[in-house]
All heavy atoms as atom14 arrays in JSON, in Angstrom:
{
  "sequence": "LRHDVHFTEGGVFHGVMGAAKVRTNTLHGQGIKQAGPRIVIDGHAED",
  "atom14_mask": [
    [1, 1, 1, 1, 1, 1, 1, 1, 0, 0, 0, 0, 0, 0],
    [1, 1, 1, 1, 1, 1, 1, 1, 1, 1, 1, 0, 0, 0],
    [1, 1, 1, 1, 1, 1, 1, 1, 1, 1, 0, 0, 0, 0],
    [1, 1, 1, 1, 1, 1, 1, 1, 0, 0, 0, 0, 0, 0],
    [1, 1, 1, 1, 1, 1, 1, 0, 0, 0, 0, 0, 0, 0],
    [1, 1, 1, 1, 1, 1, 1, 1, 1, 1, 0, 0, 0, 0],
    [1, 1, 1, 1, 1, 1, 1, 1, 1, 1, 1, 0, 0, 0],
    [1, 1, 1, 1, 1, 1, 1, 0, 0, 0, 0, 0, 0, 0],
    [1, 1, 1, 1, 1, 1, 1, 1, 1, 0, 0, 0, 0, 0],
    [1, 1, 1, 1, 0, 0, 0, 0, 0, 0, 0, 0, 0, 0],
    [1, 1, 1, 1, 0, 0, 0, 0, 0, 0, 0, 0, 0, 0],
    [1, 1, 1, 1, 1, 1, 1, 0, 0, 0, 0, 0, 0, 0],
    [1, 1, 1, 1, 1, 1, 1, 1, 1, 1, 1, 0, 0, 0],
    [1, 1, 1, 1, 1, 1, 1, 1, 1, 1, 0, 0, 0, 0],
    [1, 1, 1, 1, 0, 0, 0, 0, 0, 0, 0, 0, 0, 0],
    [1, 1, 1, 1, 1, 1, 1, 0, 0, 0, 0, 0, 0, 0],
    [1, 1, 1, 1, 1, 1, 1, 1, 0, 0, 0, 0, 0, 0],
    [1, 1, 1, 1, 0, 0, 0, 0, 0, 0, 0, 0, 0, 0],
    [1, 1, 1, 1, 1, 0, 0, 0, 0, 0, 0, 0, 0, 0],
    [1, 1, 1, 1, 1, 0, 0, 0, 0, 0, 0, 0, 0, 0],
    [1, 1, 1, 1, 1, 1, 1, 1, 1, 0, 0, 0, 0, 0],
    [1, 1, 1, 1, 1, 1, 1, 0, 0, 0, 0, 0, 0, 0],
    [1, 1, 1, 1, 1, 1, 1, 1, 1, 1, 1, 0, 0, 0],
    [1, 1, 1, 1, 1, 1, 1, 0, 0, 0, 0, 0, 0, 0],
    [1, 1, 1, 1, 1, 1, 1, 1, 0, 0, 0, 0, 0, 0],
    [1, 1, 1, 1, 1, 1, 1, 0, 0, 0, 0, 0, 0, 0],
    [1, 1, 1, 1, 1, 1, 1, 1, 0, 0, 0, 0, 0, 0],
    [1, 1, 1, 1, 1, 1, 1, 1, 1, 1, 0, 0, 0, 0],
    [1, 1, 1, 1, 0, 0, 0, 0, 0, 0, 0, 0, 0, 0],
    [1, 1, 1, 1, 1, 1, 1, 1, 1, 0, 0, 0, 0, 0],
    [1, 1, 1, 1, 0, 0, 0, 0, 0, 0, 0, 0, 0, 0],
    [1, 1, 1, 1, 1, 1, 1, 1, 0, 0, 0, 0, 0, 0],
    [1, 1, 1, 1, 1, 1, 1, 1, 1, 0, 0, 0, 0, 0],
    [1, 1, 1, 1, 1, 1, 1, 1, 1, 0, 0, 0, 0, 0],
    [1, 1, 1, 1, 1, 0, 0, 0, 0, 0, 0, 0, 0, 0],
    [1, 1, 1, 1, 0, 0, 0, 0, 0, 0, 0, 0, 0, 0],
    [1, 1, 1, 1, 1, 1, 1, 0, 0, 0, 0, 0, 0, 0],
    [1, 1, 1, 1, 1, 1, 1, 1, 1, 1, 1, 0, 0, 0],
    [1, 1, 1, 1, 1, 1, 1, 1, 0, 0, 0, 0, 0, 0],
    [1, 1, 1, 1, 1, 1, 1, 0, 0, 0, 0, 0, 0, 0],
    [1, 1, 1, 1, 1, 1, 1, 1, 0, 0, 0, 0, 0, 0],
    [1, 1, 1, 1, 1, 1, 1, 1, 0, 0, 0, 0, 0, 0],
    [1, 1, 1, 1, 0, 0, 0, 0, 0, 0, 0, 0, 0, 0],
    [1, 1, 1, 1, 1, 1, 1, 1, 1, 1, 0, 0, 0, 0],
    [1, 1, 1, 1, 1, 0, 0, 0, 0, 0, 0, 0, 0, 0],
    [1, 1, 1, 1, 1, 1, 1, 1, 1, 0, 0, 0, 0, 0],
    [1, 1, 1, 1, 1, 1, 1, 1, 0, 0, 0, 0, 0, 0]
  ],
  "atom14_positions": [
    [[5.47, -10.53, 9.84], [4.36, -9.78, 9.27], [3.67, -9.01, 10.4], [3.18, -9.61, 11.35], [3.37, -10.71, 8.57], [3.97, -11.63, 7.48], [2.88, -12.45, 6.82], [4.76, -10.82, 6.46], [0.0, 0.0, 0.0], [0.0, 0.0, 0.0], [0.0, 0.0, 0.0], [0.0, 0.0, 0.0], [0.0, 0.0, 0.0], [0.0, 0.0, 0.0]],
    [[3.6, -7.67, 10.26], [3.18, -6.86, 11.4], [1.96, -5.98, 11.16], [1.35, -5.51, 12.1], [4.36, -5.98, 11.87], [5.49, -6.78, 12.5], [6.73, -5.93, 12.74], [6.43, -4.72, 13.48], [7.2, -3.63, 13.46], [8.28, -3.6, 12.71], [6.87, -2.57, 14.16], [0.0, 0.0, 0.0], [0.0, 0.0, 0.0], [0.0, 0.0, 0.0]],
    [[1.62, -5.71, 9.9], [0.41, -4.92, 9.68], [-0.2, -5.22, 8.31], [0.45, -5.78, 7.43], [0.67, -3.42, 9.84], [1.56, -2.81, 8.8], [1.26, -2.79, 7.44], [2.75, -2.17, 8.91], [2.21, -2.18, 6.78], [3.14, -1.8, 7.64], [0.0, 0.0, 0.0], [0.0, 0.0, 0.0], [0.0, 0.0, 0.0], [0.0, 0.0, 0.0]],
    [[-1.46, -4.84, 8.16], [-2.15, -5.02, 6.89], [-1.87, -3.85, 5.96], [-1.62, -2.73, 6.41], [-3.66, -5.13, 7.1], [-4.07, -6.41, 7.81], [-3.3, -7.38, 7.77], [-5.17, -6.42, 8.41], [0.0, 0.0, 0.0], [0.0, 0.0, 0.0], [0.0, 0.0, 0.0], [0.0, 0.0, 0.0], [0.0, 0.0, 0.0], [0.0, 0.0, 0.0]],
    [[-1.94, -4.12, 4.67], [-1.91, -3.07, 3.65], [-3.19, -3.21, 2.84], [-3.52, -4.31, 2.36], [-0.68, -3.19, 2.74], [-0.77, -2.21, 1.58], [0.6, -2.95, 3.53], [0.0, 0.0, 0.0], [0.0, 0.0, 0.0], [0.0, 0.0, 0.0], [0.0, 0.0, 0.0], [0.0, 0.0, 0.0], [0.0, 0.0, 0.0], [0.0, 0.0, 0.0]],
    [[-3.92, -2.1, 2.69], [-5.17, -2.08, 1.94], [-4.93, -1.42, 0.58], [-4.47, -0.28, 0.51], [-6.23, -1.29, 2.72], [-6.57, -1.89, 4.05], [-7.67, -2.69, 4.25], [-5.94, -1.82, 5.25], [-7.71, -3.09, 5.51], [-6.67, -2.57, 6.14], [0.0, 0.0, 0.0], [0.0, 0.0, 0.0], [0.0, 0.0, 0.0], [0.0, 0.0, 0.0]],
    [[-5.24, -2.15, -0.5], [-5.06, -1.65, -1.85], [-6.35, -1.02, -2.36], [-7.45, -1.34, -1.9], [-4.63, -2.77, -2.79], [-3.35, -3.44, -2.42], [-3.27, -4.82, -2.29], [-2.2, -2.69, -2.19], [-2.09, -5.44, -1.95], [-1.01, -3.31, -1.84], [-0.95, -4.68, -1.71], [0.0, 0.0, 0.0], [0.0, 0.0, 0.0], [0.0, 0.0, 0.0]],
    [[-6.21, -0.16, -3.35], [-7.37, 0.42, -4.02], [-8.14, -0.69, -4.73], [-7.56, -1.48, -5.48], [-6.92, 1.47, -5.05], [-6.13, 2.46, -4.4], [-8.12, 2.12, -5.72], [0.0, 0.0, 0.0], [0.0, 0.0, 0.0], [0.0, 0.0, 0.0], [0.0, 0.0, 0.0], [0.0, 0.0, 0.0], [0.0, 0.0, 0.0], [0.0, 0.0, 0.0]],
    [[-9.46, -0.75, -4.47], [-10.3, -1.76, -5.14], [-10.2, -1.6, -6.66], [-10.42, -0.52, -7.2], [-11.75, -1.61, -4.69], [-12.02, -2.04, -3.26], [-12.14, -3.55, -3.1], [-12.19, -4.25, -4.14], [-12.18, -4.02, -1.96], [0.0, 0.0, 0.0], [0.0, 0.0, 0.0], [0.0, 0.0, 0.0], [0.0, 0.0, 0.0], [0.0, 0.0, 0.0]],
    [[-9.81, -2.7, -7.32], [-9.69, -2.68, -8.77], [-8.44, -2.01, -9.28], [-8.27, -1.83, -10.48], [0.0, 0.0, 0.0], [0.0, 0.0, 0.0], [0.0, 0.0, 0.0], [0.0, 0.0, 0.0], [0.0, 0.0, 0.0], [0.0, 0.0, 0.0], [0.0, 0.0, 0.0], [0.0, 0.0, 0.0], [0.0, 0.0, 0.0], [0.0, 0.0, 0.0]],
    [[-7.52, -1.62, -8.37], [-6.3, -0.94, -8.75], [-5.22, -1.89, -9.22], [-5.41, -3.11, -9.3], [0.0, 0.0, 0.0], [0.0, 0.0, 0.0], [0.0, 0.0, 0.0], [0.0, 0.0, 0.0], [0.0, 0.0, 0.0], [0.0, 0.0, 0.0], [0.0, 0.0, 0.0], [0.0, 0.0, 0.0], [0.0, 0.0, 0.0], [0.0, 0.0, 0.0]],
    [[-4.06, -1.32, -9.52], [-2.94, -2.09, -10.05], [-2.48, -3.17, -9.08], [-2.33, -4.34, -9.45], [-1.77, -1.15, -10.41], [-0.52, -1.96, -10.76], [-2.15, -0.24, -11.57], [0.0, 0.0, 0.0], [0.0, 0.0, 0.0], [0.0, 0.0, 0.0], [0.0, 0.0, 0.0], [0.0, 0.0, 0.0], [0.0, 0.0, 0.0], [0.0, 0.0, 0.0]],
    [[-2.26, -2.8, -7.82], [-1.77, -3.79, -6.85], [-2.84, -4.83, -6.53], [-2.51, -6.01, -6.31], [-1.3, -3.09, -5.58], [0.1, -2.57, -5.66], [0.35, -1.3, -6.16], [1.18, -3.34, -5.25], [1.65, -0.81, -6.26], [2.48, -2.87, -5.34], [2.72, -1.6, -5.84], [0.0, 0.0, 0.0], [0.0, 0.0, 0.0], [0.0, 0.0, 0.0]],
    [[-4.09, -4.43, -6.5], [-5.17, -5.4, -6.32], [-5.11, -6.45, -7.41], [-5.24, -7.66, -7.15], [-6.52, -4.66, -6.34], [-7.69, -5.52, -6.0], [-8.98, -5.05, -6.02], [-7.79, -6.84, -5.66], [-9.82, -6.02, -5.68], [-9.12, -7.12, -5.46], [0.0, 0.0, 0.0], [0.0, 0.0, 0.0], [0.0, 0.0, 0.0], [0.0, 0.0, 0.0]],
    [[-4.86, -6.01, -8.64], [-4.76, -6.93, -9.76], [-3.56, -7.86, -9.65], [-3.66, -9.06, -9.92], [0.0, 0.0, 0.0], [0.0, 0.0, 0.0], [0.0, 0.0, 0.0], [0.0, 0.0, 0.0], [0.0, 0.0, 0.0], [0.0, 0.0, 0.0], [0.0, 0.0, 0.0], [0.0, 0.0, 0.0], [0.0, 0.0, 0.0], [0.0, 0.0, 0.0]],
    [[-2.43, -7.31, -9.24], [-1.22, -8.13, -9.11], [-1.36, -9.16, -8.0], [-1.0, -10.33, -8.16], [0.01, -7.23, -8.84], [1.22, -8.07, -8.43], [0.35, -6.4, -10.08], [0.0, 0.0, 0.0], [0.0, 0.0, 0.0], [0.0, 0.0, 0.0], [0.0, 0.0, 0.0], [0.0, 0.0, 0.0], [0.0, 0.0, 0.0], [0.0, 0.0, 0.0]],
    [[-1.9, -8.74, -6.85], [-1.98, -9.61, -5.68], [-3.2, -10.53, -5.7], [-3.22, -11.55, -5.01], [-2.04, -8.76, -4.4], [-0.84, -7.87, -4.2], [0.69, -8.82, -3.99], [1.86, -7.46, -3.81], [0.0, 0.0, 0.0], [0.0, 0.0, 0.0], [0.0, 0.0, 0.0], [0.0, 0.0, 0.0], [0.0, 0.0, 0.0], [0.0, 0.0, 0.0]],
    [[-4.24, -10.13, -6.45], [-5.47, -10.9, -6.39], [-6.19, -10.75, -5.07], [-7.03, -11.57, -4.7], [0.0, 0.0, 0.0], [0.0, 0.0, 0.0], [0.0, 0.0, 0.0], [0.0, 0.0, 0.0], [0.0, 0.0, 0.0], [0.0, 0.0, 0.0], [0.0, 0.0, 0.0], [0.0, 0.0, 0.0], [0.0, 0.0, 0.0], [0.0, 0.0, 0.0]],
    [[-5.87, -9.68, -4.33], [-6.49, -9.42, -3.03], [-6.46, -7.93, -2.77], [-5.52, -7.23, -3.18], [-5.75, -10.16, -1.92], [0.0, 0.0, 0.0], [0.0, 0.0, 0.0], [0.0, 0.0, 0.0], [0.0, 0.0, 0.0], [0.0, 0.0, 0.0], [0.0, 0.0, 0.0], [0.0, 0.0, 0.0], [0.0, 0.0, 0.0], [0.0, 0.0, 0.0]],
    [[-7.48, -7.43, -2.08], [-7.54, -6.01, -1.74], [-6.85, -5.71, -0.42], [-6.6, -4.54, -0.12], [-8.99, -5.54, -1.68], [0.0, 0.0, 0.0], [0.0, 0.0, 0.0], [0.0, 0.0, 0.0], [0.0, 0.0, 0.0], [0.0, 0.0, 0.0], [0.0, 0.0, 0.0], [0.0, 0.0, 0.0], [0.0, 0.0, 0.0], [0.0, 0.0, 0.0]],
    [[-6.54, -6.74, 0.36], [-5.84, -6.56, 1.63], [-4.82, -7.67, 1.8], [-5.12, -8.84, 1.58], [-6.83, -6.58, 2.8], [-6.17, -6.34, 4.15], [-7.2, -6.33, 5.29], [-7.65, -7.72, 5.64], [-8.48, -7.75, 6.88], [0.0, 0.0, 0.0], [0.0, 0.0, 0.0], [0.0, 0.0, 0.0], [0.0, 0.0, 0.0], [0.0, 0.0, 0.0]],
    [[-3.58, -7.29, 2.18], [-2.52, -8.27, 2.43], [-1.83, -7.9, 3.74], [-2.02, -6.8, 4.27], [-1.49, -8.29, 1.28], [-2.16, -8.68, -0.03], [-0.78, -6.95, 1.16], [0.0, 0.0, 0.0], [0.0, 0.0, 0.0], [0.0, 0.0, 0.0], [0.0, 0.0, 0.0], [0.0, 0.0, 0.0], [0.0, 0.0, 0.0], [0.0, 0.0, 0.0]],
    [[-1.03, -8.82, 4.24], [-0.28, -8.56, 5.47], [1.21, -8.57, 5.15], [1.69, -9.46, 4.44], [-0.61, -9.58, 6.56], [-0.16, -9.16, 7.95], [-0.98, -9.81, 9.04], [-0.61, -9.33, 10.37], [-1.1, -8.22, 10.93], [-1.97, -7.48, 10.27], [-0.72, -7.85, 12.15], [0.0, 0.0, 0.0], [0.0, 0.0, 0.0], [0.0, 0.0, 0.0]],
    [[1.93, -7.58, 5.67], [3.34, -7.41, 5.31], [4.2, -7.17, 6.54], [3.71, -6.87, 7.63], [3.52, -6.2, 4.36], [3.3, -4.99, 5.09], [2.54, -6.26, 3.2], [0.0, 0.0, 0.0], [0.0, 0.0, 0.0], [0.0, 0.0, 0.0], [0.0, 0.0, 0.0], [0.0, 0.0, 0.0], [0.0, 0.0, 0.0], [0.0, 0.0, 0.0]],
    [[5.52, -7.25, 6.32], [6.48, -6.81, 7.32], [6.61, -5.29, 7.26], [6.03, -4.64, 6.37], [7.84, -7.51, 7.14], [8.4, -7.32, 5.73], [8.36, -6.23, 5.17], [8.94, -8.39, 5.15], [0.0, 0.0, 0.0], [0.0, 0.0, 0.0], [0.0, 0.0, 0.0], [0.0, 0.0, 0.0], [0.0, 0.0, 0.0], [0.0, 0.0, 0.0]],
    [[7.37, -4.73, 8.16], [7.59, -3.28, 8.13], [8.91, -2.97, 8.82], [9.11, -3.34, 9.97], [6.43, -2.5, 8.77], [6.66, -1.1, 8.66], [6.19, -2.88, 10.22], [0.0, 0.0, 0.0], [0.0, 0.0, 0.0], [0.0, 0.0, 0.0], [0.0, 0.0, 0.0], [0.0, 0.0, 0.0], [0.0, 0.0, 0.0], [0.0, 0.0, 0.0]],
    [[9.83, -2.31, 8.09], [11.17, -2.05, 8.6], [11.68, -0.7, 8.1], [12.77, -0.6, 7.55], [12.14, -3.16, 8.16], [11.86, -4.59, 8.62], [11.0, -5.35, 7.63], [13.18, -5.35, 8.82], [0.0, 0.0, 0.0], [0.0, 0.0, 0.0], [0.0, 0.0, 0.0], [0.0, 0.0, 0.0], [0.0, 0.0, 0.0], [0.0, 0.0, 0.0]],
    [[10.88, 0.33, 8.27], [11.29, 1.64, 7.76], [10.98, 2.73, 8.77], [10.07, 2.6, 9.6], [10.6, 1.95, 6.43], [9.11, 2.09, 6.53], [8.48, 3.32, 6.59], [8.13, 1.16, 6.58], [7.17, 3.12, 6.67], [6.94, 1.83, 6.66], [0.0, 0.0, 0.0], [0.0, 0.0, 0.0], [0.0, 0.0, 0.0], [0.0, 0.0, 0.0]],
    [[11.74, 3.83, 8.7], [11.51, 4.97, 9.57], [10.83, 6.11, 8.85], [9.96, 6.78, 9.41], [0.0, 0.0, 0.0], [0.0, 0.0, 0.0], [0.0, 0.0, 0.0], [0.0, 0.0, 0.0], [0.0, 0.0, 0.0], [0.0, 0.0, 0.0], [0.0, 0.0, 0.0], [0.0, 0.0, 0.0], [0.0, 0.0, 0.0], [0.0, 0.0, 0.0]],
    [[11.24, 6.35, 7.6], [10.67, 7.45, 6.83], [9.51, 6.97, 5.96], [9.25, 5.78, 5.85], [11.77, 8.08, 5.96], [12.91, 8.66, 6.77], [13.8, 9.59, 5.98], [13.95, 9.45, 4.78], [14.39, 10.55, 6.67], [0.0, 0.0, 0.0], [0.0, 0.0, 0.0], [0.0, 0.0, 0.0], [0.0, 0.0, 0.0], [0.0, 0.0, 0.0]],
    [[8.8, 7.93, 5.36], [7.69, 7.59, 4.51], [7.24, 8.8, 3.7], [7.75, 9.91, 3.9], [0.0, 0.0, 0.0], [0.0, 0.0, 0.0], [0.0, 0.0, 0.0], [0.0, 0.0, 0.0], [0.0, 0.0, 0.0], [0.0, 0.0, 0.0], [0.0, 0.0, 0.0], [0.0, 0.0, 0.0], [0.0, 0.0, 0.0], [0.0, 0.0, 0.0]],
    [[6.31, 8.59, 2.82], [5.86, 9.65, 1.93], [5.13, 10.75, 2.7], [4.22, 10.49, 3.47], [4.95, 9.1, 0.83], [5.76, 8.27, -0.17], [4.22, 10.23, 0.08], [4.94, 7.66, -1.29], [0.0, 0.0, 0.0], [0.0, 0.0, 0.0], [0.0, 0.0, 0.0], [0.0, 0.0, 0.0], [0.0, 0.0, 0.0], [0.0, 0.0, 0.0]],
    [[5.55, 11.98, 2.46], [4.87, 13.17, 2.98], [3.94, 13.73, 1.91], [2.74, 13.81, 2.09], [5.92, 14.22, 3.4], [5.34, 15.51, 3.94], [6.49, 16.44, 4.34], [6.0, 17.75, 4.92], [7.14, 18.64, 5.3], [0.0, 0.0, 0.0], [0.0, 0.0, 0.0], [0.0, 0.0, 0.0], [0.0, 0.0, 0.0], [0.0, 0.0, 0.0]],
    [[4.53, 14.12, 0.79], [3.76, 14.59, -0.37], [4.11, 13.69, -1.55], [5.28, 13.51, -1.87], [4.11, 16.04, -0.7], [3.34, 16.62, -1.87], [1.86, 16.8, -1.59], [1.49, 17.26, -0.51], [1.02, 16.44, -2.53], [0.0, 0.0, 0.0], [0.0, 0.0, 0.0], [0.0, 0.0, 0.0], [0.0, 0.0, 0.0], [0.0, 0.0, 0.0]],
    [[3.09, 13.12, -2.16], [3.34, 12.28, -3.32], [3.72, 13.14, -4.52], [3.2, 14.25, -4.7], [2.1, 11.45, -3.65], [0.0, 0.0, 0.0], [0.0, 0.0, 0.0], [0.0, 0.0, 0.0], [0.0, 0.0, 0.0], [0.0, 0.0, 0.0], [0.0, 0.0, 0.0], [0.0, 0.0, 0.0], [0.0, 0.0, 0.0], [0.0, 0.0, 0.0]],
    [[4.65, 12.65, -5.33], [4.99, 13.35, -6.56], [3.79, 13.48, -7.48], [2.83, 12.69, -7.38], [0.0, 0.0, 0.0], [0.0, 0.0, 0.0], [0.0, 0.0, 0.0], [0.0, 0.0, 0.0], [0.0, 0.0, 0.0], [0.0, 0.0, 0.0], [0.0, 0.0, 0.0], [0.0, 0.0, 0.0], [0.0, 0.0, 0.0], [0.0, 0.0, 0.0]],
    [[3.8, 14.45, -8.4], [2.64, 14.7, -9.27], [2.13, 13.49, -10.03], [0.93, 13.38, -10.28], [3.15, 15.79, -10.22], [4.22, 16.49, -9.46], [4.88, 15.43, -8.63], [0.0, 0.0, 0.0], [0.0, 0.0, 0.0], [0.0, 0.0, 0.0], [0.0, 0.0, 0.0], [0.0, 0.0, 0.0], [0.0, 0.0, 0.0], [0.0, 0.0, 0.0]],
    [[3.02, 12.55, -10.39], [2.59, 11.37, -11.14], [2.54, 10.11, -10.28], [2.26, 9.02, -10.8], [3.5, 11.15, -12.35], [3.41, 12.24, -13.4], [4.38, 11.97, -14.54], [4.08, 10.72, -15.23], [4.85, 10.19, -16.18], [5.96, 10.81, -16.55], [4.52, 9.06, -16.76], [0.0, 0.0, 0.0], [0.0, 0.0, 0.0], [0.0, 0.0, 0.0]],
    [[2.8, 10.25, -9.0], [2.81, 9.09, -8.11], [1.38, 8.76, -7.67], [0.68, 9.61, -7.13], [3.69, 9.34, -6.87], [5.16, 9.46, -7.27], [3.49, 8.23, -5.83], [5.76, 8.21, -7.86], [0.0, 0.0, 0.0], [0.0, 0.0, 0.0], [0.0, 0.0, 0.0], [0.0, 0.0, 0.0], [0.0, 0.0, 0.0], [0.0, 0.0, 0.0]],
    [[0.97, 7.52, -7.92], [-0.32, 7.03, -7.46], [-0.1, 6.19, -6.21], [0.62, 5.19, -6.25], [-1.02, 6.17, -8.53], [-2.33, 5.61, -7.99], [-1.25, 6.98, -9.79], [0.0, 0.0, 0.0], [0.0, 0.0, 0.0], [0.0, 0.0, 0.0], [0.0, 0.0, 0.0], [0.0, 0.0, 0.0], [0.0, 0.0, 0.0], [0.0, 0.0, 0.0]],
    [[-0.66, 6.62, -5.1], [-0.61, 5.82, -3.86], [-1.73, 4.8, -3.94], [-2.9, 5.13, -3.82], [-0.73, 6.71, -2.61], [0.41, 7.73, -2.57], [-0.73, 5.84, -1.36], [0.3, 8.72, -1.42], [0.0, 0.0, 0.0], [0.0, 0.0, 0.0], [0.0, 0.0, 0.0], [0.0, 0.0, 0.0], [0.0, 0.0, 0.0], [0.0, 0.0, 0.0]],
    [[-1.36, 3.54, -4.14], [-2.31, 2.48, -4.42], [-2.53, 1.55, -3.24], [-3.31, 0.6, -3.32], [-1.82, 1.67, -5.63], [-2.93, 0.96, -6.36], [-4.06, 1.47, -6.39], [-2.67, -0.14, -6.91], [0.0, 0.0, 0.0], [0.0, 0.0, 0.0], [0.0, 0.0, 0.0], [0.0, 0.0, 0.0], [0.0, 0.0, 0.0], [0.0, 0.0, 0.0]],
    [[-1.81, 1.8, -2.12], [-1.97, 0.98, -0.94], [-1.53, 1.72, 0.3], [-0.55, 2.49, 0.27], [0.0, 0.0, 0.0], [0.0, 0.0, 0.0], [0.0, 0.0, 0.0], [0.0, 0.0, 0.0], [0.0, 0.0, 0.0], [0.0, 0.0, 0.0], [0.0, 0.0, 0.0], [0.0, 0.0, 0.0], [0.0, 0.0, 0.0], [0.0, 0.0, 0.0]],
    [[-2.26, 1.53, 1.4], [-1.96, 2.18, 2.68], [-1.92, 1.15, 3.81], [-2.66, 0.16, 3.77], [-3.03, 3.22, 3.03], [-3.09, 4.39, 2.12], [-3.75, 4.35, 0.9], [-2.58, 5.65, 2.24], [-3.65, 5.54, 0.32], [-2.94, 6.34, 1.1], [0.0, 0.0, 0.0], [0.0, 0.0, 0.0], [0.0, 0.0, 0.0], [0.0, 0.0, 0.0]],
    [[-1.08, 1.43, 4.81], [-1.12, 0.66, 6.05], [-2.36, 1.07, 6.85], [-3.06, 2.03, 6.51], [0.14, 0.9, 6.86], [0.0, 0.0, 0.0], [0.0, 0.0, 0.0], [0.0, 0.0, 0.0], [0.0, 0.0, 0.0], [0.0, 0.0, 0.0], [0.0, 0.0, 0.0], [0.0, 0.0, 0.0], [0.0, 0.0, 0.0], [0.0, 0.0, 0.0]],
    [[-2.61, 0.35, 7.93], [-3.78, 0.6, 8.76], [-3.79, 2.01, 9.33], [-4.86, 2.58, 9.59], [-3.82, -0.42, 9.9], [-3.85, -1.87, 9.43], [-3.36, -2.84, 10.48], [-3.16, -2.42, 11.64], [-3.18, -4.03, 10.16], [0.0, 0.0, 0.0], [0.0, 0.0, 0.0], [0.0, 0.0, 0.0], [0.0, 0.0, 0.0], [0.0, 0.0, 0.0]],
    [[-2.61, 2.61, 9.53], [-2.54, 3.95, 10.11], [-2.5, 5.05, 9.06], [-2.28, 6.22, 9.37], [-1.31, 4.06, 11.02], [0.01, 3.89, 10.28], [-0.02, 3.6, 9.06], [1.07, 4.03, 10.91], [0.0, 0.0, 0.0], [0.0, 0.0, 0.0], [0.0, 0.0, 0.0], [0.0, 0.0, 0.0], [0.0, 0.0, 0.0], [0.0, 0.0, 0.0]]
  ]
}
């Protein structure tokens, strides 16, 4: 586990996890540049 993820207060992931902040692993090089029109970004890393 290498960084925190902050969820939207009262959002979908907050509801699923029962927490607004969790700690996760990270093993990726690419990431979202522009979200699709219907994509809701419900959690962000510290950066």
